[in-house]
Amino acid sequence: MAQAPQLQEHGMEYFSLLSGHKMPAVGLGTWKSGSQAIDSVFTAITEMGYRHIDTASQYGVQEEVGRALTSAFQAGVERKDIFVTSKLWCTDLSAERVRPAFNNTL
């Protein structure tokens, strides 16, 4: 099995987080990616070394992205190197809906 590419800094900008981690400033967007999300996310992570995935429940691809991430981890990518950003939809901003929406994303 080929080794997954390591985090590289070839011209990419990063945010330095208080935790000490460096998060890529640009995420791979999954909006309108449909069922192709699995292939495109897996390829971006394992073959191109991409480490920041952007998604949202409204995109309808969170399960596919989750499967792609699971496959990437099985291929040798370390969880500590991956950043997943998501968004709460405007209908989920009330106090009683934030936590369920957040948990659904996970």
Foldseek 3Di string as FASTA:
>chain_A
DDAFDAADPPPFDWDQDPVRDTHTPDAAECAPVPLVLLVVLLCCCRPVVGAEHEEEVVSVCLVSPVVSVVVNVVRHDDPVRHHYHYDDDPVQPDPVRVVVRVVVSD
